[in-house]
Protein backbone atom coordinates (compact mmCIF):
# COMPACT_ATOMS: atom_id res chain seq x y z
CA MET A 1 14.11 33.49 -8.16
CA THR A 2 15.05 29.88 -7.36
CA LYS A 3 12.10 27.74 -6.35
CA LYS A 4 12.77 25.45 -3.40
CA VAL A 5 11.30 21.94 -3.54
CA LEU A 6 11.42 19.54 -0.60
CA VAL A 7 11.89 15.84 -1.47
CA THR A 8 11.20 13.21 1.23
CA PRO A 9 10.56 9.66 -0.19
CA ARG A 10 13.03 7.37 1.56
CA SER A 11 14.16 5.51 -1.56
CA VAL A 12 15.07 8.83 -3.18
CA THR A 13 16.72 10.57 -0.24
CA ARG A 14 18.84 7.43 0.25
CA ALA A 15 20.00 6.94 -3.35
CA GLY A 16 18.82 9.92 -5.40
CA HIS A 17 16.96 9.63 -8.69
CA PRO A 18 17.64 10.90 -12.24
CA SER A 19 14.20 12.54 -12.48
CA LEU A 20 15.30 15.14 -9.93
CA ASP A 21 17.59 16.57 -12.61
CA ASN A 22 14.43 17.78 -14.37
CA LEU A 23 13.66 19.90 -11.31
CA ARG A 24 17.17 21.30 -11.21
CA ASP A 25 17.15 21.98 -14.96
CA ALA A 26 13.95 23.98 -14.44
CA GLY A 27 15.76 26.16 -11.90
CA CYS A 28 14.52 24.48 -8.72
CA GLU A 29 16.63 24.00 -5.62
CA VAL A 30 16.08 20.47 -4.34
CA VAL A 31 16.05 20.11 -0.55
CA PHE A 32 16.17 16.70 1.17
CA CYS A 33 15.15 15.47 4.58
CA THR A 34 17.39 13.04 6.50
CA ALA A 35 18.58 10.41 4.03
CA GLY A 36 16.68 7.11 4.10
CA LYS A 37 14.42 8.09 7.00
CA GLN A 38 10.78 9.08 7.19
CA PRO A 39 10.64 12.67 8.44
CA GLY A 40 8.55 13.60 11.45
CA GLU A 41 6.57 16.75 12.09
CA ASP A 42 9.46 18.70 13.57
CA GLU A 43 11.81 18.00 10.68
CA LEU A 44 9.14 18.90 8.14
CA ARG A 45 8.39 22.13 9.99
CA ALA A 46 12.08 22.99 9.85
CA LEU A 47 12.43 22.26 6.12
CA LEU A 48 9.18 23.44 4.52
CA PRO A 49 9.33 27.21 5.14
CA GLY A 50 10.41 28.81 1.87
CA CYS A 51 9.49 25.76 -0.23
CA VAL A 52 6.97 26.19 -3.05
CA GLY A 53 6.87 22.49 -3.92
CA TYR A 54 6.91 19.28 -1.87
CA LEU A 55 7.53 15.84 -3.38
CA ALA A 56 6.15 13.73 -0.55
CA GLY A 57 6.44 10.13 0.54
CA VAL A 58 4.19 8.33 3.02
CA GLU A 59 4.99 10.48 6.05
CA PRO A 60 2.04 12.23 7.76
CA VAL A 61 1.57 15.75 6.42
CA THR A 62 -0.49 17.27 9.19
CA ALA A 63 -2.16 20.63 9.69
CA ARG A 64 0.65 21.51 12.12
CA VAL A 65 3.18 20.86 9.37
CA LEU A 66 1.28 22.88 6.79
CA GLU A 67 0.80 25.90 9.05
CA VAL A 68 4.47 26.83 8.58
CA ALA A 69 4.49 26.13 4.82
CA THR A 70 3.40 29.64 3.95
CA GLU A 71 4.81 29.61 0.42
CA LEU A 72 3.88 26.03 -0.48
CA ARG A 73 1.79 25.71 -3.65
CA VAL A 74 1.78 22.00 -4.38
CA ILE A 75 2.28 18.62 -2.70
CA SER A 76 3.08 15.91 -5.25
CA ARG A 77 2.87 12.34 -3.91
CA ASN A 78 5.16 9.75 -5.45
CA GLY A 79 2.32 7.25 -5.12
CA THR A 80 -1.43 6.91 -5.42
CA GLY A 81 -2.57 7.33 -1.81
CA VAL A 82 -2.98 10.75 -0.23
CA ASP A 83 -4.56 9.64 3.06
CA ASN A 84 -1.32 10.67 4.80
CA VAL A 85 -2.04 14.30 3.86
CA ASP A 86 -4.47 16.49 5.78
CA LEU A 87 -6.48 17.40 2.68
CA ASP A 88 -8.73 19.88 4.48
CA ALA A 89 -5.73 21.81 5.80
CA ALA A 90 -4.12 21.79 2.35
CA LYS A 91 -7.31 23.01 0.68
CA ALA A 92 -7.72 25.78 3.24
CA ARG A 93 -4.25 27.03 2.36
CA GLY A 94 -4.75 26.72 -1.40
CA ILE A 95 -2.19 23.91 -1.72
CA ALA A 96 -2.79 21.49 -4.58
CA VAL A 97 -2.36 17.79 -3.73
CA LEU A 98 -1.43 15.63 -6.73
CA ARG A 99 -0.96 11.87 -7.10
CA ALA A 100 1.15 9.58 -9.27
CA GLU A 101 -1.87 7.60 -10.44
CA GLY A 102 -1.20 3.89 -10.91
CA ALA A 103 2.58 4.23 -10.87
CA ASN A 104 3.15 1.43 -8.37
CA ALA A 105 0.17 -0.76 -9.32
CA ARG A 106 2.19 -3.58 -10.88
CA GLY A 107 4.70 -3.65 -8.04
CA VAL A 108 1.92 -3.96 -5.45
CA ALA A 109 0.03 -6.55 -7.50
CA GLU A 110 3.09 -8.73 -8.00
CA LEU A 111 3.88 -8.58 -4.28
CA ALA A 112 0.30 -9.62 -3.45
CA ILE A 113 0.61 -12.65 -5.73
CA GLY A 114 4.02 -13.48 -4.26
CA LEU A 115 2.56 -13.36 -0.75
CA LEU A 116 -0.35 -15.53 -1.89
CA PHE A 117 2.10 -18.25 -2.98
CA ALA A 118 4.08 -17.87 0.24
CA LEU A 119 0.95 -18.33 2.37
CA ALA A 120 -0.25 -21.32 0.36
CA ARG A 121 3.02 -23.18 0.88
CA GLY A 122 3.94 -22.03 4.39
CA VAL A 123 7.14 -20.39 3.17
CA GLY A 124 7.47 -18.00 6.14
CA PRO A 125 7.28 -20.51 9.01
CA SER A 126 9.31 -23.10 7.10
CA ASP A 127 12.09 -20.60 6.48
CA ALA A 128 12.03 -19.51 10.13
CA ALA A 129 12.28 -23.14 11.31
CA LEU A 130 15.31 -23.87 9.13
CA LYS A 131 17.02 -20.68 10.27
CA ARG A 132 16.73 -21.79 13.89
CA GLY A 133 18.19 -25.19 12.98
CA ALA A 134 14.99 -27.24 12.91
CA TRP A 135 14.13 -29.51 9.99
CA GLU A 136 10.37 -29.22 10.26
CA ARG A 137 7.64 -29.33 7.70
CA GLN A 138 5.06 -26.84 8.80
CA ALA A 139 1.37 -27.05 7.88
CA GLN A 140 0.77 -29.00 4.69
CA GLY A 141 0.59 -26.69 1.69
CA ILE A 142 -2.26 -26.30 -0.75
CA GLU A 143 -2.30 -25.87 -4.51
CA LEU A 144 -4.00 -22.84 -6.01
CA GLU A 145 -5.74 -24.34 -9.04
CA GLY A 146 -9.49 -24.01 -8.58
CA LYS A 147 -9.20 -22.04 -5.33
CA THR A 148 -11.15 -18.79 -5.02
CA LEU A 149 -9.35 -15.47 -4.65
CA GLY A 150 -11.58 -12.76 -3.22
CA LEU A 151 -10.71 -9.17 -4.00
CA ALA A 152 -11.92 -6.27 -1.89
CA GLY A 153 -11.31 -3.51 -4.41
CA CYS A 154 -10.81 -3.90 -8.14
CA GLY A 155 -9.06 -0.76 -9.28
CA ARG A 156 -5.71 -0.75 -11.04
CA VAL A 157 -4.01 -3.03 -8.54
CA GLY A 158 -6.99 -5.35 -8.11
CA LYS A 159 -7.38 -5.81 -11.85
CA LEU A 160 -3.74 -6.82 -12.23
CA VAL A 161 -4.04 -9.25 -9.31
CA ALA A 162 -7.18 -10.74 -10.87
CA GLN A 163 -5.44 -11.30 -14.21
CA MET A 164 -2.42 -12.93 -12.56
CA ALA A 165 -4.62 -15.19 -10.42
CA LEU A 166 -6.60 -16.30 -13.45
CA GLY A 167 -3.31 -17.16 -15.10
CA ILE A 168 -2.65 -19.78 -12.41
CA ASP A 169 -6.18 -21.21 -12.79
CA MET A 170 -7.76 -19.63 -9.72
CA LYS A 171 -11.33 -18.36 -9.61
CA VAL A 172 -11.70 -14.67 -8.80
CA LEU A 173 -14.61 -12.97 -7.04
CA SER A 174 -14.28 -9.21 -6.77
CA PHE A 175 -16.17 -6.52 -4.92
CA ASP A 176 -15.84 -2.91 -5.97
CA PRO A 177 -18.28 -0.09 -5.16
CA TYR A 178 -17.90 1.13 -8.76
CA PRO A 179 -17.40 -2.04 -10.83
CA ASP A 180 -15.89 -1.59 -14.27
CA SER A 181 -18.33 -3.26 -16.65
CA GLY A 182 -15.65 -3.26 -19.33
CA PHE A 183 -13.30 -5.42 -17.26
CA SER A 184 -14.00 -9.08 -17.99
CA PRO A 185 -10.68 -10.94 -17.98
CA GLY A 186 -12.11 -14.45 -18.21
CA PRO A 187 -14.97 -16.82 -17.40
CA SER A 188 -13.56 -17.53 -13.94
CA PHE A 189 -13.90 -13.86 -12.92
CA ARG A 190 -17.02 -12.05 -11.76
CA TYR A 191 -18.05 -9.18 -9.55
CA ALA A 192 -19.96 -10.11 -6.42
CA PRO A 193 -21.42 -8.50 -3.28
CA LEU A 194 -18.90 -8.03 -0.49
CA ASP A 195 -20.53 -10.60 1.82
CA GLU A 196 -20.28 -13.22 -0.93
CA VAL A 197 -16.62 -12.39 -1.48
CA PHE A 198 -15.96 -12.87 2.24
CA ALA A 199 -17.94 -16.11 2.39
CA LYS A 200 -16.41 -17.83 -0.65
CA ALA A 201 -12.78 -16.67 -0.64
CA ASP A 202 -10.04 -19.18 0.09
CA PHE A 203 -7.69 -16.18 -0.11
CA LEU A 204 -8.84 -12.60 0.46
CA SER A 205 -6.67 -9.80 -0.92
CA LEU A 206 -7.40 -6.22 0.14
CA HIS A 207 -7.00 -3.45 -2.46
CA CYS A 208 -9.21 -0.62 -1.22
CA PRO A 209 -8.72 2.58 0.77
CA PRO A 210 -9.95 2.96 4.36
CA ALA A 211 -13.60 3.92 4.78
CA ALA A 212 -14.28 7.63 5.14
CA ASP A 213 -15.88 7.04 8.55
CA GLY A 214 -12.80 5.15 9.79
CA ARG A 215 -14.57 1.82 10.25
CA PRO A 216 -12.52 -1.19 9.09
CA LEU A 217 -13.89 -3.13 6.15
CA LEU A 218 -12.68 -6.42 7.60
CA ASP A 219 -13.99 -6.51 11.16
CA ALA A 220 -15.05 -9.35 13.48
CA ARG A 221 -18.38 -9.74 11.69
CA ALA A 222 -16.76 -9.99 8.27
CA LEU A 223 -14.12 -12.40 9.55
CA ALA A 224 -16.83 -14.65 10.99
CA ARG A 225 -18.35 -14.92 7.50
CA MET A 226 -15.09 -16.19 6.01
CA LYS A 227 -14.33 -19.86 5.42
CA PRO A 228 -12.48 -21.59 8.25
CA GLY A 229 -8.85 -21.82 7.20
CA ALA A 230 -8.92 -18.88 4.77
CA PHE A 231 -5.93 -16.59 4.22
CA ILE A 232 -5.76 -12.76 4.16
CA ILE A 233 -3.38 -10.54 2.21
CA ASN A 234 -3.22 -6.82 3.00
CA THR A 235 -1.03 -4.71 0.72
CA ALA A 236 -3.43 -1.75 0.91
CA ARG A 237 -3.83 0.13 4.19
CA TYR A 238 -3.65 -1.05 7.79
CA ASP A 239 -6.96 0.64 8.64
CA VAL A 240 -8.82 -1.56 6.14
CA PHE A 241 -8.93 -4.31 8.75
CA ASP A 242 -9.38 -4.56 12.50
CA PRO A 243 -6.00 -5.89 13.75
CA GLY A 244 -7.43 -7.12 17.05
CA ALA A 245 -10.16 -9.08 15.29
CA VAL A 246 -7.66 -10.51 12.79
CA LEU A 247 -5.36 -11.58 15.64
CA ALA A 248 -8.26 -13.28 17.43
CA ALA A 249 -9.19 -15.12 14.21
CA LEU A 250 -5.59 -16.29 13.85
CA GLU A 251 -5.43 -17.47 17.44
CA SER A 252 -8.66 -19.45 17.07
CA GLY A 253 -7.49 -20.98 13.81
CA HIS A 254 -10.42 -19.55 11.87
CA VAL A 255 -7.91 -17.66 9.71
CA ALA A 256 -4.97 -19.84 8.67
CA GLY A 257 -2.53 -17.09 7.81
CA VAL A 258 -2.05 -13.40 7.04
CA ALA A 259 0.38 -11.53 4.82
CA LEU A 260 0.84 -7.89 5.75
CA ASP A 261 2.64 -5.07 3.92
CA ALA A 262 0.77 -2.13 5.47
CA PHE A 263 1.06 -0.74 9.00
CA ASP A 264 -0.37 2.06 11.11
CA THR A 265 3.11 3.43 11.81
CA GLU A 266 6.44 2.69 10.14
CA PRO A 267 8.05 0.82 11.77
CA PRO A 268 5.00 -0.67 13.52
CA THR A 269 4.75 -0.17 17.27
CA ASP A 270 2.17 -2.94 17.74
CA GLN A 271 4.11 -6.15 17.11
CA ARG A 272 1.36 -8.69 17.88
CA LEU A 273 0.60 -9.47 14.25
CA VAL A 274 4.17 -9.03 13.03
CA GLN A 275 5.47 -11.58 15.52
CA HIS A 276 2.71 -14.13 15.03
CA PRO A 277 4.02 -17.40 13.55
CA HIS A 278 1.28 -17.48 10.91
CA VAL A 279 1.90 -13.94 9.67
CA ILE A 280 4.27 -12.95 6.89
CA ALA A 281 5.16 -9.29 7.37
CA THR A 282 7.06 -7.14 4.87
CA PRO A 283 8.18 -3.51 5.43
CA HIS A 284 5.95 -1.70 2.90
CA LEU A 285 7.56 -3.32 -0.15
CA GLY A 286 4.58 -2.96 -2.51
CA GLY A 287 5.86 -0.06 -4.58
CA PHE A 288 9.49 -0.63 -3.70
CA THR A 289 10.67 -1.87 -7.09
CA ARG A 290 13.04 -0.17 -9.49
CA GLU A 291 10.31 0.14 -12.09
CA SER A 292 7.61 1.42 -9.73
CA ILE A 293 9.93 4.04 -8.28
CA ASP A 294 10.96 5.19 -11.75
CA ARG A 295 7.35 5.56 -12.86
CA ALA A 296 6.26 7.26 -9.63
CA MET A 297 9.14 9.72 -9.65
CA SER A 298 8.68 10.57 -13.31
CA VAL A 299 4.97 11.31 -12.82
CA SER A 300 5.39 13.16 -9.51
CA VAL A 301 8.13 15.40 -10.91
CA GLU A 302 6.04 16.13 -14.01
CA ASN A 303 3.09 16.99 -11.75
CA LEU A 304 5.26 19.36 -9.70
CA LEU A 305 6.65 21.15 -12.73
CA ALA A 306 3.21 21.55 -14.28
CA ALA A 307 1.74 22.92 -11.05
CA LEU A 308 4.61 25.35 -10.58
CA ALA A 309 4.60 26.21 -14.33
CA VAL A 310 8.39 26.16 -14.55
């Protein structure tokens, strides 16, 4: 009997991917959602019945979605995060949830470093000024040599960011709840308590998941501990920081600029940060590279085939 597999990542439904041939060669019928669009609950409920496998993107996979997926055996994410999946509902239905561990780490890390440079030199506002016909130098830029990059989270992405930052002669302070004692990329790197990271960072880059209790890591208290004029880069999850507190810190000038590649909804409904002149916003580009997609798809398809034993 043909095994139906639903595929939803936007980059794949828009343009396809060679790794899907491995599913077809194994006798699977590949089913797509609307090309290039993130599916909602109703579309998923219409497509999932009869599917035994689900290669999922970042769309919410809720209990309401899973209640109609009576034959589903495995959800394979084409990324690392699974916070978009109701894990309790999946477990209750005996559905395995698998991740493409580390597949997009380099893409996210390189974007974080690119955003760091853009913040340091005011690339976003300067570009916007020229596009509206104004020849204006915005805030004077700063050079990165000797500046301190604080990392909240030092897993696969954080480690790559640390190594890249050291390569441009920055100092790196990193907090991680489970520090890797074997990771020591240079004398200008060390692990530190979170409050010290906040207090000493000229640039703070977030590379951690949201807290289990839902409280943001970077709230008004944490922001108050940061240096006046510091910059924030969030390529992780929107819930890691308190957007209202970040906006207030921007308005007061305590935070000089923010780069944001993570949102609560896609596209974001709250535009206050996106539209702020000292915010650079990108539409979830972290893992959106040719190489990251290739790695993520290869791993997620392999995970699906192994789980389905086909």
